[in-house]
Amino acid sequence: QVQLVESGGGSVQAGGSLRLSCVASGSSFSINSIGWYRQTPGKQRELVAVISSGGQTNYLDSVKGRFTISRDNAKNTMSLQMNSLKPQDTAVYYCNAEITEDRATGRFTFSYWGQGTQVTVSS
């Protein structure tokens, strides 16, 4: 089984930057698409950025030009660089990865989530 562990959240003032990281650990797996989501109380989780296995990226309109998603396949890590942060970016951020595993019973693809990390931007 694979585990995703996030780091890098915190509190910053508007205009500041944060970098979120997510590391996948386990055995006999490969990471397909990766996404970063965020959620605020009472709202549905929304997709902020996604990167395919081929490196194609897509962003929520409100973060385009400010956030950058990246991946390091050799290290099984994924990151979200967030610049020019705004108070409306305040949320719990989750990494998500579609992962294919080679298990004794066969090859399977699962969706895994990180534990979430709080990002707070003050005005």
Protein backbone atom coordinates (compact mmCIF):
# COMPACT_ATOMS: atom_id res chain seq x y z
CA GLN A 1 0.00 0.00 0.00
CA VAL A 2 1.13 3.54 -0.70
CA GLN A 3 1.12 6.46 1.68
CA LEU A 4 1.16 10.18 0.81
CA VAL A 5 2.61 12.55 3.40
CA GLU A 6 2.26 16.30 3.01
CA SER A 7 4.33 19.12 4.42
CA GLY A 8 4.79 22.84 3.99
CA GLY A 9 1.57 24.48 5.10
CA GLY A 10 1.48 27.46 7.43
CA SER A 11 0.44 31.07 7.90
CA VAL A 12 1.56 33.96 5.72
CA GLN A 13 0.49 37.47 4.96
CA ALA A 14 -1.16 38.37 1.68
CA GLY A 15 1.39 38.54 -1.10
CA GLY A 16 3.59 35.91 0.50
CA SER A 17 4.59 32.47 -0.73
CA LEU A 18 4.39 28.90 0.47
CA ARG A 19 5.53 25.64 -1.01
CA LEU A 20 3.60 22.46 -0.34
CA SER A 21 5.22 19.07 -0.81
CA CYS A 22 3.85 15.55 -0.89
CA VAL A 23 5.94 12.39 -0.78
CA ALA A 24 4.69 8.98 -1.80
CA SER A 25 6.13 5.93 -0.07
CA GLY A 26 5.53 2.22 -0.52
CA SER A 27 6.74 -0.51 -2.81
CA SER A 28 6.24 -1.49 -6.44
CA PHE A 29 4.22 1.50 -7.59
CA SER A 30 4.18 4.19 -10.22
CA ILE A 31 2.46 7.55 -10.05
CA ASN A 32 0.14 8.58 -12.85
CA SER A 33 -1.67 11.91 -12.55
CA ILE A 34 -1.21 14.15 -9.52
CA GLY A 35 -3.53 16.82 -8.21
CA TRP A 36 -3.69 19.39 -5.45
CA TYR A 37 -7.09 20.14 -3.96
CA ARG A 38 -8.31 22.55 -1.31
CA GLN A 39 -11.28 22.71 0.97
CA THR A 40 -12.80 25.31 3.26
CA PRO A 41 -15.47 24.61 5.91
CA GLY A 42 -18.90 24.04 4.43
CA LYS A 43 -17.63 23.84 0.86
CA GLN A 44 -16.79 21.02 -1.48
CA ARG A 45 -13.20 20.13 -2.13
CA GLU A 46 -12.01 21.84 -5.32
CA LEU A 47 -9.25 20.96 -7.73
CA VAL A 48 -6.53 23.60 -7.70
CA ALA A 49 -3.94 22.12 -10.04
CA VAL A 50 -3.22 18.88 -11.82
CA ILE A 51 -0.22 17.43 -13.64
CA SER A 52 -0.34 14.37 -15.86
CA SER A 53 2.28 11.64 -16.08
CA GLY A 54 3.50 13.40 -19.21
CA GLY A 55 3.89 16.74 -17.47
CA GLN A 56 0.81 18.53 -18.80
CA THR A 57 -0.63 20.94 -16.26
CA ASN A 58 -3.97 22.54 -15.63
CA TYR A 59 -5.00 25.13 -13.05
CA LEU A 60 -8.05 26.60 -11.41
CA ASP A 61 -8.61 29.97 -13.06
CA SER A 62 -8.20 31.88 -9.80
CA VAL A 63 -4.67 30.54 -9.23
CA LYS A 64 -3.30 30.72 -12.78
CA GLY A 65 -0.08 32.69 -12.90
CA ARG A 66 0.39 32.40 -9.12
CA PHE A 67 0.60 28.65 -8.42
CA THR A 68 2.89 26.09 -10.04
CA ILE A 69 2.49 22.34 -9.75
CA SER A 70 5.50 20.10 -10.30
CA ARG A 71 6.64 16.52 -9.82
CA ASP A 72 9.89 14.65 -9.35
CA ASN A 73 9.30 11.12 -10.54
CA ALA A 74 12.68 9.88 -9.34
CA LYS A 75 11.89 10.96 -5.79
CA ASN A 76 8.15 10.23 -5.88
CA THR A 77 7.43 13.76 -4.77
CA MET A 78 5.01 16.40 -5.90
CA SER A 79 4.93 20.08 -5.05
CA LEU A 80 2.74 23.13 -5.25
CA GLN A 81 4.52 26.47 -5.27
CA MET A 82 2.11 29.20 -4.24
CA ASN A 83 3.06 32.83 -4.81
CA SER A 84 1.18 36.10 -4.39
CA LEU A 85 -1.12 34.42 -1.91
CA LYS A 86 -4.50 35.96 -1.17
CA PRO A 87 -6.79 35.57 1.85
CA GLN A 88 -9.22 33.64 -0.37
CA ASP A 89 -6.52 30.98 -0.81
CA THR A 90 -6.96 30.05 2.86
CA ALA A 91 -7.96 26.38 3.03
CA VAL A 92 -6.81 22.90 3.88
CA TYR A 93 -4.80 21.63 0.92
CA TYR A 94 -4.67 17.97 -0.07
CA CYS A 95 -2.46 16.16 -2.51
CA ASN A 96 -3.99 13.37 -4.52
CA ALA A 97 -2.29 10.82 -6.73
CA GLU A 98 -3.51 8.13 -9.06
CA ILE A 99 -1.11 5.26 -8.38
CA THR A 100 -0.66 1.92 -10.08
CA GLU A 101 0.60 -0.84 -7.80
CA ASP A 102 2.02 -4.25 -8.58
CA ARG A 103 0.64 -6.52 -5.90
CA ALA A 104 0.90 -10.29 -5.52
CA THR A 105 -2.67 -10.56 -6.80
CA GLY A 106 -2.17 -8.33 -9.84
CA ARG A 107 -1.77 -4.75 -11.03
CA PHE A 108 -4.23 -2.25 -9.63
CA THR A 109 -4.79 1.51 -9.82
CA PHE A 110 -5.95 3.46 -6.78
CA SER A 111 -6.51 7.06 -5.80
CA TYR A 112 -4.59 8.11 -2.71
CA TRP A 113 -4.91 11.26 -0.59
CA GLY A 114 -2.50 13.07 1.66
CA GLN A 115 -3.51 13.98 5.20
CA GLY A 116 -4.10 17.64 4.39
CA THR A 117 -2.19 20.73 5.42
CA GLN A 118 -3.59 24.07 6.55
CA VAL A 119 -2.75 27.22 4.60
CA THR A 120 -3.81 30.50 6.18
CA VAL A 121 -3.35 33.83 4.42
CA SER A 122 -4.00 36.99 6.40
CA SER A 123 -4.75 40.39 4.93
